[in-house]
mmCIF file of all heavy atoms, coordinates in Angstrom:
data_MODEL
# 
_entry.id   MODEL 
# 
loop_
_atom_site.group_PDB 
_atom_site.id 
_atom_site.type_symbol 
_atom_site.label_atom_id 
_atom_site.label_alt_id 
_atom_site.label_comp_id 
_atom_site.label_asym_id 
_atom_site.label_entity_id 
_atom_site.label_seq_id 
_atom_site.pdbx_PDB_ins_code 
_atom_site.Cartn_x 
_atom_site.Cartn_y 
_atom_site.Cartn_z 
_atom_site.occupancy 
_atom_site.B_iso_or_equiv 
_atom_site.pdbx_formal_charge 
_atom_site.auth_seq_id 
_atom_site.auth_comp_id 
_atom_site.auth_asym_id 
_atom_site.auth_atom_id 
_atom_site.pdbx_PDB_model_num 
ATOM 1   N N   . THR A 1 1  ? -28.620 29.269 -25.570 1.00 0.00 ? 1  THR A N   1 
ATOM 2   C CA  . THR A 1 1  ? -29.259 29.021 -26.788 1.00 0.00 ? 1  THR A CA  1 
ATOM 3   C C   . THR A 1 1  ? -29.462 30.258 -27.544 1.00 0.00 ? 1  THR A C   1 
ATOM 4   O O   . THR A 1 1  ? -30.140 31.178 -27.042 1.00 0.00 ? 1  THR A O   1 
ATOM 5   C CB  . THR A 1 1  ? -30.625 28.293 -26.619 1.00 0.00 ? 1  THR A CB  1 
ATOM 6   O OG1 . THR A 1 1  ? -30.394 27.013 -25.910 1.00 0.00 ? 1  THR A OG1 1 
ATOM 7   C CG2 . THR A 1 1  ? -31.278 27.991 -27.930 1.00 0.00 ? 1  THR A CG2 1 
ATOM 8   N N   . LEU A 1 2  ? -28.838 30.415 -28.722 1.00 0.00 ? 2  LEU A N   1 
ATOM 9   C CA  . LEU A 1 2  ? -28.971 31.619 -29.497 1.00 0.00 ? 2  LEU A CA  1 
ATOM 10  C C   . LEU A 1 2  ? -29.976 31.331 -30.629 1.00 0.00 ? 2  LEU A C   1 
ATOM 11  O O   . LEU A 1 2  ? -29.940 30.302 -31.294 1.00 0.00 ? 2  LEU A O   1 
ATOM 12  C CB  . LEU A 1 2  ? -27.624 31.956 -30.151 1.00 0.00 ? 2  LEU A CB  1 
ATOM 13  C CG  . LEU A 1 2  ? -26.508 32.314 -29.168 1.00 0.00 ? 2  LEU A CG  1 
ATOM 14  C CD1 . LEU A 1 2  ? -25.160 32.416 -29.941 1.00 0.00 ? 2  LEU A CD1 1 
ATOM 15  C CD2 . LEU A 1 2  ? -26.791 33.649 -28.492 1.00 0.00 ? 2  LEU A CD2 1 
ATOM 16  N N   . VAL A 1 3  ? -30.934 32.262 -30.806 1.00 0.00 ? 3  VAL A N   1 
ATOM 17  C CA  . VAL A 1 3  ? -32.035 32.032 -31.733 1.00 0.00 ? 3  VAL A CA  1 
ATOM 18  C C   . VAL A 1 3  ? -32.182 33.265 -32.634 1.00 0.00 ? 3  VAL A C   1 
ATOM 19  O O   . VAL A 1 3  ? -32.107 34.411 -32.185 1.00 0.00 ? 3  VAL A O   1 
ATOM 20  C CB  . VAL A 1 3  ? -33.328 31.855 -30.948 1.00 0.00 ? 3  VAL A CB  1 
ATOM 21  C CG1 . VAL A 1 3  ? -34.508 31.421 -31.934 1.00 0.00 ? 3  VAL A CG1 1 
ATOM 22  C CG2 . VAL A 1 3  ? -33.172 30.827 -29.846 1.00 0.00 ? 3  VAL A CG2 1 
ATOM 23  N N   . LEU A 1 4  ? -32.359 32.991 -33.946 1.00 0.00 ? 4  LEU A N   1 
ATOM 24  C CA  . LEU A 1 4  ? -32.790 34.004 -34.891 1.00 0.00 ? 4  LEU A CA  1 
ATOM 25  C C   . LEU A 1 4  ? -34.197 33.666 -35.311 1.00 0.00 ? 4  LEU A C   1 
ATOM 26  O O   . LEU A 1 4  ? -34.434 32.650 -35.940 1.00 0.00 ? 4  LEU A O   1 
ATOM 27  C CB  . LEU A 1 4  ? -31.872 34.038 -36.112 1.00 0.00 ? 4  LEU A CB  1 
ATOM 28  C CG  . LEU A 1 4  ? -32.300 34.990 -37.258 1.00 0.00 ? 4  LEU A CG  1 
ATOM 29  C CD1 . LEU A 1 4  ? -32.092 36.445 -36.828 1.00 0.00 ? 4  LEU A CD1 1 
ATOM 30  C CD2 . LEU A 1 4  ? -31.530 34.709 -38.495 1.00 0.00 ? 4  LEU A CD2 1 
ATOM 31  N N   . GLN A 1 5  ? -35.119 34.541 -34.996 1.00 0.00 ? 5  GLN A N   1 
ATOM 32  C CA  . GLN A 1 5  ? -36.558 34.287 -35.348 1.00 0.00 ? 5  GLN A CA  1 
ATOM 33  C C   . GLN A 1 5  ? -36.896 35.134 -36.601 1.00 0.00 ? 5  GLN A C   1 
ATOM 34  O O   . GLN A 1 5  ? -36.707 36.358 -36.578 1.00 0.00 ? 5  GLN A O   1 
ATOM 35  C CB  . GLN A 1 5  ? -37.471 34.753 -34.198 1.00 0.00 ? 5  GLN A CB  1 
ATOM 36  C CG  . GLN A 1 5  ? -37.358 33.888 -32.923 1.00 0.00 ? 5  GLN A CG  1 
ATOM 37  C CD  . GLN A 1 5  ? -38.309 34.363 -31.846 1.00 0.00 ? 5  GLN A CD  1 
ATOM 38  O OE1 . GLN A 1 5  ? -38.960 35.430 -31.928 1.00 0.00 ? 5  GLN A OE1 1 
ATOM 39  N NE2 . GLN A 1 5  ? -38.454 33.535 -30.830 1.00 0.00 ? 5  GLN A NE2 1 
ATOM 40  N N   . SER A 1 6  ? -37.348 34.412 -37.617 1.00 0.00 ? 6  SER A N   1 
ATOM 41  C CA  . SER A 1 6  ? -37.825 35.059 -38.853 1.00 0.00 ? 6  SER A CA  1 
ATOM 42  C C   . SER A 1 6  ? -39.332 35.123 -38.772 1.00 0.00 ? 6  SER A C   1 
ATOM 43  O O   . SER A 1 6  ? -39.939 35.031 -37.678 1.00 0.00 ? 6  SER A O   1 
ATOM 44  C CB  . SER A 1 6  ? -37.296 34.252 -40.066 1.00 0.00 ? 6  SER A CB  1 
ATOM 45  O OG  . SER A 1 6  ? -37.591 34.956 -41.173 1.00 0.00 ? 6  SER A OG  1 
ATOM 46  N N   . ASP A 1 7  ? -39.971 35.336 -39.930 1.00 0.00 ? 7  ASP A N   1 
ATOM 47  C CA  . ASP A 1 7  ? -41.401 35.531 -39.914 1.00 0.00 ? 7  ASP A CA  1 
ATOM 48  C C   . ASP A 1 7  ? -42.217 34.313 -39.418 1.00 0.00 ? 7  ASP A C   1 
ATOM 49  O O   . ASP A 1 7  ? -43.153 34.410 -38.672 1.00 0.00 ? 7  ASP A O   1 
ATOM 50  C CB  . ASP A 1 7  ? -41.923 35.893 -41.305 1.00 0.00 ? 7  ASP A CB  1 
ATOM 51  C CG  . ASP A 1 7  ? -41.467 37.296 -41.705 1.00 0.00 ? 7  ASP A CG  1 
ATOM 52  O OD1 . ASP A 1 7  ? -41.182 38.087 -40.849 1.00 0.00 ? 7  ASP A OD1 1 
ATOM 53  O OD2 . ASP A 1 7  ? -41.361 37.508 -42.973 1.00 0.00 ? 7  ASP A OD2 1 
ATOM 54  N N   . PHE A 1 8  ? -41.773 33.131 -39.837 1.00 0.00 ? 8  PHE A N   1 
ATOM 55  C CA  . PHE A 1 8  ? -42.550 31.910 -39.541 1.00 0.00 ? 8  PHE A CA  1 
ATOM 56  C C   . PHE A 1 8  ? -41.684 30.845 -38.802 1.00 0.00 ? 8  PHE A C   1 
ATOM 57  O O   . PHE A 1 8  ? -42.245 29.978 -38.166 1.00 0.00 ? 8  PHE A O   1 
ATOM 58  C CB  . PHE A 1 8  ? -43.100 31.283 -40.840 1.00 0.00 ? 8  PHE A CB  1 
ATOM 59  C CG  . PHE A 1 8  ? -43.888 32.225 -41.635 1.00 0.00 ? 8  PHE A CG  1 
ATOM 60  C CD1 . PHE A 1 8  ? -43.360 32.899 -42.760 1.00 0.00 ? 8  PHE A CD1 1 
ATOM 61  C CD2 . PHE A 1 8  ? -45.193 32.545 -41.302 1.00 0.00 ? 8  PHE A CD2 1 
ATOM 62  C CE1 . PHE A 1 8  ? -44.121 33.770 -43.493 1.00 0.00 ? 8  PHE A CE1 1 
ATOM 63  C CE2 . PHE A 1 8  ? -45.966 33.458 -42.003 1.00 0.00 ? 8  PHE A CE2 1 
ATOM 64  C CZ  . PHE A 1 8  ? -45.406 34.070 -43.089 1.00 0.00 ? 8  PHE A CZ  1 
ATOM 65  N N   . HIS A 1 9  ? -40.424 30.831 -38.999 1.00 0.00 ? 9  HIS A N   1 
ATOM 66  C CA  . HIS A 1 9  ? -39.545 29.817 -38.394 1.00 0.00 ? 9  HIS A CA  1 
ATOM 67  C C   . HIS A 1 9  ? -38.357 30.494 -37.718 1.00 0.00 ? 9  HIS A C   1 
ATOM 68  O O   . HIS A 1 9  ? -38.210 31.702 -37.759 1.00 0.00 ? 9  HIS A O   1 
ATOM 69  C CB  . HIS A 1 9  ? -39.035 28.882 -39.547 1.00 0.00 ? 9  HIS A CB  1 
ATOM 70  C CG  . HIS A 1 9  ? -40.118 28.151 -40.196 1.00 0.00 ? 9  HIS A CG  1 
ATOM 71  N ND1 . HIS A 1 9  ? -40.877 28.653 -41.245 1.00 0.00 ? 9  HIS A ND1 1 
ATOM 72  C CD2 . HIS A 1 9  ? -40.646 26.913 -39.930 1.00 0.00 ? 9  HIS A CD2 1 
ATOM 73  C CE1 . HIS A 1 9  ? -41.838 27.780 -41.624 1.00 0.00 ? 9  HIS A CE1 1 
ATOM 74  N NE2 . HIS A 1 9  ? -41.675 26.726 -40.840 1.00 0.00 ? 9  HIS A NE2 1 
ATOM 75  N N   . GLU A 1 10 ? -37.521 29.638 -37.110 1.00 0.00 ? 10 GLU A N   1 
ATOM 76  C CA  . GLU A 1 10 ? -36.293 30.156 -36.435 1.00 0.00 ? 10 GLU A CA  1 
ATOM 77  C C   . GLU A 1 10 ? -35.170 29.221 -36.618 1.00 0.00 ? 10 GLU A C   1 
ATOM 78  O O   . GLU A 1 10 ? -35.327 27.992 -36.945 1.00 0.00 ? 10 GLU A O   1 
ATOM 79  C CB  . GLU A 1 10 ? -36.614 30.350 -34.950 1.00 0.00 ? 10 GLU A CB  1 
ATOM 80  C CG  . GLU A 1 10 ? -36.950 29.072 -34.177 1.00 0.00 ? 10 GLU A CG  1 
ATOM 81  C CD  . GLU A 1 10 ? -37.374 29.304 -32.793 1.00 0.00 ? 10 GLU A CD  1 
ATOM 82  O OE1 . GLU A 1 10 ? -37.877 30.482 -32.455 1.00 0.00 ? 10 GLU A OE1 1 
ATOM 83  O OE2 . GLU A 1 10 ? -37.264 28.405 -31.882 1.00 0.00 ? 10 GLU A OE2 1 
ATOM 84  N N   . VAL A 1 11 ? -34.013 29.740 -36.540 1.00 0.00 ? 11 VAL A N   1 
ATOM 85  C CA  . VAL A 1 11 ? -32.711 28.986 -36.563 1.00 0.00 ? 11 VAL A CA  1 
ATOM 86  C C   . VAL A 1 11 ? -32.028 29.159 -35.264 1.00 0.00 ? 11 VAL A C   1 
ATOM 87  O O   . VAL A 1 11 ? -31.953 30.364 -34.705 1.00 0.00 ? 11 VAL A O   1 
ATOM 88  C CB  . VAL A 1 11 ? -31.818 29.430 -37.742 1.00 0.00 ? 11 VAL A CB  1 
ATOM 89  C CG1 . VAL A 1 11 ? -30.558 28.596 -37.840 1.00 0.00 ? 11 VAL A CG1 1 
ATOM 90  C CG2 . VAL A 1 11 ? -32.553 29.339 -39.072 1.00 0.00 ? 11 VAL A CG2 1 
ATOM 91  N N   . PHE A 1 12 ? -31.457 28.096 -34.649 1.00 0.00 ? 12 PHE A N   1 
ATOM 92  C CA  . PHE A 1 12 ? -30.879 28.262 -33.341 1.00 0.00 ? 12 PHE A CA  1 
ATOM 93  C C   . PHE A 1 12 ? -29.708 27.357 -33.178 1.00 0.00 ? 12 PHE A C   1 
ATOM 94  O O   . PHE A 1 12 ? -29.542 26.349 -33.923 1.00 0.00 ? 12 PHE A O   1 
ATOM 95  C CB  . PHE A 1 12 ? -31.900 28.100 -32.201 1.00 0.00 ? 12 PHE A CB  1 
ATOM 96  C CG  . PHE A 1 12 ? -32.580 26.758 -32.171 1.00 0.00 ? 12 PHE A CG  1 
ATOM 97  C CD1 . PHE A 1 12 ? -32.124 25.735 -31.350 1.00 0.00 ? 12 PHE A CD1 1 
ATOM 98  C CD2 . PHE A 1 12 ? -33.711 26.498 -32.987 1.00 0.00 ? 12 PHE A CD2 1 
ATOM 99  C CE1 . PHE A 1 12 ? -32.728 24.494 -31.299 1.00 0.00 ? 12 PHE A CE1 1 
ATOM 100 C CE2 . PHE A 1 12 ? -34.345 25.285 -32.938 1.00 0.00 ? 12 PHE A CE2 1 
ATOM 101 C CZ  . PHE A 1 12 ? -33.847 24.285 -32.080 1.00 0.00 ? 12 PHE A CZ  1 
ATOM 102 N N   . THR A 1 13 ? -28.864 27.629 -32.189 1.00 0.00 ? 13 THR A N   1 
ATOM 103 C CA  . THR A 1 13 ? -27.776 26.796 -31.797 1.00 0.00 ? 13 THR A CA  1 
ATOM 104 C C   . THR A 1 13 ? -27.463 26.939 -30.315 1.00 0.00 ? 13 THR A C   1 
ATOM 105 O O   . THR A 1 13 ? -27.962 27.862 -29.708 1.00 0.00 ? 13 THR A O   1 
ATOM 106 C CB  . THR A 1 13 ? -26.515 27.122 -32.642 1.00 0.00 ? 13 THR A CB  1 
ATOM 107 O OG1 . THR A 1 13 ? -25.503 26.098 -32.496 1.00 0.00 ? 13 THR A OG1 1 
ATOM 108 C CG2 . THR A 1 13 ? -25.940 28.479 -32.229 1.00 0.00 ? 13 THR A CG2 1 
ATOM 109 N N   . TYR A 1 14 ? -26.719 26.041 -29.795 1.00 0.00 ? 14 TYR A N   1 
ATOM 110 C CA  . TYR A 1 14 ? -26.313 26.077 -28.368 1.00 0.00 ? 14 TYR A CA  1 
ATOM 111 C C   . TYR A 1 14 ? -24.824 26.313 -28.267 1.00 0.00 ? 14 TYR A C   1 
ATOM 112 O O   . TYR A 1 14 ? -24.063 25.664 -28.948 1.00 0.00 ? 14 TYR A O   1 
ATOM 113 C CB  . TYR A 1 14 ? -26.704 24.779 -27.662 1.00 0.00 ? 14 TYR A CB  1 
ATOM 114 C CG  . TYR A 1 14 ? -26.401 24.701 -26.222 1.00 0.00 ? 14 TYR A CG  1 
ATOM 115 C CD1 . TYR A 1 14 ? -27.232 25.243 -25.256 1.00 0.00 ? 14 TYR A CD1 1 
ATOM 116 C CD2 . TYR A 1 14 ? -25.144 24.174 -25.770 1.00 0.00 ? 14 TYR A CD2 1 
ATOM 117 C CE1 . TYR A 1 14 ? -26.926 25.206 -23.888 1.00 0.00 ? 14 TYR A CE1 1 
ATOM 118 C CE2 . TYR A 1 14 ? -24.816 24.136 -24.430 1.00 0.00 ? 14 TYR A CE2 1 
ATOM 119 C CZ  . TYR A 1 14 ? -25.759 24.653 -23.481 1.00 0.00 ? 14 TYR A CZ  1 
ATOM 120 O OH  . TYR A 1 14 ? -25.401 24.585 -22.145 1.00 0.00 ? 14 TYR A OH  1 
ATOM 121 N N   . VAL A 1 15 ? -24.448 27.233 -27.418 1.00 0.00 ? 15 VAL A N   1 
ATOM 122 C CA  . VAL A 1 15 ? -23.028 27.532 -27.194 1.00 0.00 ? 15 VAL A CA  1 
ATOM 123 C C   . VAL A 1 15 ? -22.726 27.485 -25.737 1.00 0.00 ? 15 VAL A C   1 
ATOM 124 O O   . VAL A 1 15 ? -23.634 27.709 -24.837 1.00 0.00 ? 15 VAL A O   1 
ATOM 125 C CB  . VAL A 1 15 ? -22.642 28.885 -27.797 1.00 0.00 ? 15 VAL A CB  1 
ATOM 126 C CG1 . VAL A 1 15 ? -22.784 28.909 -29.287 1.00 0.00 ? 15 VAL A CG1 1 
ATOM 127 C CG2 . VAL A 1 15 ? -23.383 30.029 -27.144 1.00 0.00 ? 15 VAL A CG2 1 
ATOM 128 N N   . HIS A 1 16 ? -21.499 27.209 -25.366 1.00 0.00 ? 16 HIS A N   1 
ATOM 129 C CA  . HIS A 1 16 ? -21.143 27.199 -23.948 1.00 0.00 ? 16 HIS A CA  1 
ATOM 130 C C   . HIS A 1 16 ? -20.900 28.634 -23.469 1.00 0.00 ? 16 HIS A C   1 
ATOM 131 O O   . HIS A 1 16 ? -20.428 29.497 -24.167 1.00 0.00 ? 16 HIS A O   1 
ATOM 132 C CB  . HIS A 1 16 ? -19.855 26.362 -23.782 1.00 0.00 ? 16 HIS A CB  1 
ATOM 133 C CG  . HIS A 1 16 ? -20.033 24.908 -24.086 1.00 0.00 ? 16 HIS A CG  1 
ATOM 134 N ND1 . HIS A 1 16 ? -20.785 24.067 -23.257 1.00 0.00 ? 16 HIS A ND1 1 
ATOM 135 C CD2 . HIS A 1 16 ? -19.614 24.184 -25.119 1.00 0.00 ? 16 HIS A CD2 1 
ATOM 136 C CE1 . HIS A 1 16 ? -20.776 22.864 -23.799 1.00 0.00 ? 16 HIS A CE1 1 
ATOM 137 N NE2 . HIS A 1 16 ? -20.093 22.899 -24.891 1.00 0.00 ? 16 HIS A NE2 1 
ATOM 138 N N   . GLY A 1 17 ? -21.237 28.832 -22.169 1.00 0.00 ? 17 GLY A N   1 
ATOM 139 C CA  . GLY A 1 17 ? -21.034 30.141 -21.561 1.00 0.00 ? 17 GLY A CA  1 
ATOM 140 C C   . GLY A 1 17 ? -22.277 31.003 -21.611 1.00 0.00 ? 17 GLY A C   1 
ATOM 141 O O   . GLY A 1 17 ? -23.228 30.703 -22.327 1.00 0.00 ? 17 GLY A O   1 
ATOM 142 N N   . THR A 1 18 ? -22.307 31.994 -20.751 1.00 0.00 ? 18 THR A N   1 
ATOM 143 C CA  . THR A 1 18 ? -23.313 33.003 -20.777 1.00 0.00 ? 18 THR A CA  1 
ATOM 144 C C   . THR A 1 18 ? -22.800 34.364 -21.115 1.00 0.00 ? 18 THR A C   1 
ATOM 145 O O   . THR A 1 18 ? -21.586 34.523 -21.377 1.00 0.00 ? 18 THR A O   1 
ATOM 146 C CB  . THR A 1 18 ? -24.035 33.096 -19.360 1.00 0.00 ? 18 THR A CB  1 
ATOM 147 O OG1 . THR A 1 18 ? -23.052 33.343 -18.337 1.00 0.00 ? 18 THR A OG1 1 
ATOM 148 C CG2 . THR A 1 18 ? -24.690 31.731 -19.023 1.00 0.00 ? 18 THR A CG2 1 
ATOM 149 N N   . LYS A 1 19 ? -23.632 35.354 -21.212 1.00 0.00 ? 19 LYS A N   1 
ATOM 150 C CA  . LYS A 1 19 ? -23.206 36.737 -21.660 1.00 0.00 ? 19 LYS A CA  1 
ATOM 151 C C   . LYS A 1 19 ? -22.654 36.690 -23.102 1.00 0.00 ? 19 LYS A C   1 
ATOM 152 O O   . LYS A 1 19 ? -21.798 37.480 -23.411 1.00 0.00 ? 19 LYS A O   1 
ATOM 153 C CB  . LYS A 1 19 ? -22.224 37.334 -20.695 1.00 0.00 ? 19 LYS A CB  1 
ATOM 154 C CG  . LYS A 1 19 ? -22.692 37.334 -19.240 1.00 0.00 ? 19 LYS A CG  1 
ATOM 155 C CD  . LYS A 1 19 ? -24.007 38.045 -19.067 1.00 0.00 ? 19 LYS A CD  1 
ATOM 156 C CE  . LYS A 1 19 ? -24.397 38.021 -17.594 1.00 0.00 ? 19 LYS A CE  1 
ATOM 157 N NZ  . LYS A 1 19 ? -25.729 38.663 -17.359 1.00 0.00 ? 19 LYS A NZ  1 
ATOM 158 N N   . VAL A 1 20 ? -23.058 35.728 -23.871 1.00 0.00 ? 20 VAL A N   1 
ATOM 159 C CA  . VAL A 1 20 ? -22.581 35.574 -25.249 1.00 0.00 ? 20 VAL A CA  1 
ATOM 160 C C   . VAL A 1 20 ? -23.157 36.712 -26.070 1.00 0.00 ? 20 VAL A C   1 
ATOM 161 O O   . VAL A 1 20 ? -24.348 37.032 -25.960 1.00 0.00 ? 20 VAL A O   1 
ATOM 162 C CB  . VAL A 1 20 ? -23.020 34.201 -25.840 1.00 0.00 ? 20 VAL A CB  1 
ATOM 163 C CG1 . VAL A 1 20 ? -22.505 34.076 -27.247 1.00 0.00 ? 20 VAL A CG1 1 
ATOM 164 C CG2 . VAL A 1 20 ? -22.402 33.103 -24.989 1.00 0.00 ? 20 VAL A CG2 1 
ATOM 165 N N   . SER A 1 21 ? -22.384 37.297 -26.953 1.00 0.00 ? 21 SER A N   1 
ATOM 166 C CA  . SER A 1 21 ? -22.840 38.380 -27.772 1.00 0.00 ? 21 SER A CA  1 
ATOM 167 C C   . SER A 1 21 ? -23.965 37.941 -28.685 1.00 0.00 ? 21 SER A C   1 
ATOM 168 O O   . SER A 1 21 ? -23.955 36.816 -29.293 1.00 0.00 ? 21 SER A O   1 
ATOM 169 C CB  . SER A 1 21 ? -21.716 38.924 -28.622 1.00 0.00 ? 21 SER A CB  1 
ATOM 170 O OG  . SER A 1 21 ? -22.199 39.820 -29.612 1.00 0.00 ? 21 SER A OG  1 
ATOM 171 N N   . LEU A 1 22 ? -24.992 38.762 -28.821 1.00 0.00 ? 22 LEU A N   1 
ATOM 172 C CA  . LEU A 1 22 ? -26.068 38.421 -29.730 1.00 0.00 ? 22 LEU A CA  1 
ATOM 173 C C   . LEU A 1 22 ? -25.662 38.448 -31.190 1.00 0.00 ? 22 LEU A C   1 
ATOM 174 O O   . LEU A 1 22 ? -26.405 38.017 -32.066 1.00 0.00 ? 22 LEU A O   1 
ATOM 175 C CB  . LEU A 1 22 ? -27.242 39.475 -29.519 1.00 0.00 ? 22 LEU A CB  1 
ATOM 176 C CG  . LEU A 1 22 ? -28.090 39.290 -28.246 1.00 0.00 ? 22 LEU A CG  1 
ATOM 177 C CD1 . LEU A 1 22 ? -28.876 40.509 -27.929 1.00 0.00 ? 22 LEU A CD1 1 
ATOM 178 C CD2 . LEU A 1 22 ? -28.974 38.042 -28.390 1.00 0.00 ? 22 LEU A CD2 1 
ATOM 179 N N   . ASP A 1 23 ? -24.474 38.981 -31.456 1.00 0.00 ? 23 ASP A N   1 
ATOM 180 C CA  . ASP A 1 23 ? -23.966 38.932 -32.821 1.00 0.00 ? 23 ASP A CA  1 
ATOM 181 C C   . ASP A 1 23 ? -23.373 37.596 -33.236 1.00 0.00 ? 23 ASP A C   1 
ATOM 182 O O   . ASP A 1 23 ? -23.019 37.419 -34.361 1.00 0.00 ? 23 ASP A O   1 
ATOM 183 C CB  . ASP A 1 23 ? -22.879 40.079 -32.979 1.00 0.00 ? 23 ASP A CB  1 
ATOM 184 C CG  . ASP A 1 23 ? -23.443 41.466 -32.911 1.00 0.00 ? 23 ASP A CG  1 
ATOM 185 O OD1 . ASP A 1 23 ? -24.624 41.616 -33.214 1.00 0.00 ? 23 ASP A OD1 1 
ATOM 186 O OD2 . ASP A 1 23 ? -22.709 42.356 -32.418 1.00 0.00 ? 23 ASP A OD2 1 
ATOM 187 N N   . ALA A 1 24 ? -23.204 36.684 -32.244 1.00 0.00 ? 24 ALA A N   1 
ATOM 188 C CA  . ALA A 1 24 ? -22.541 35.440 -32.494 1.00 0.00 ? 24 ALA A CA  1 
ATOM 189 C C   . ALA A 1 24 ? -23.296 34.578 -33.534 1.00 0.00 ? 24 ALA A C   1 
ATOM 190 O O   . ALA A 1 24 ? -22.682 34.047 -34.468 1.00 0.00 ? 24 ALA A O   1 
ATOM 191 C CB  . ALA A 1 24 ? -22.330 34.651 -31.218 1.00 0.00 ? 24 ALA A CB  1 
# 
């Protein structure tokens, strides 16, 4: 699960595999 946390909320998605780049 990749997450971008902003000041009050967050946006996230699920991708297959581990060691996924944080830039994805």
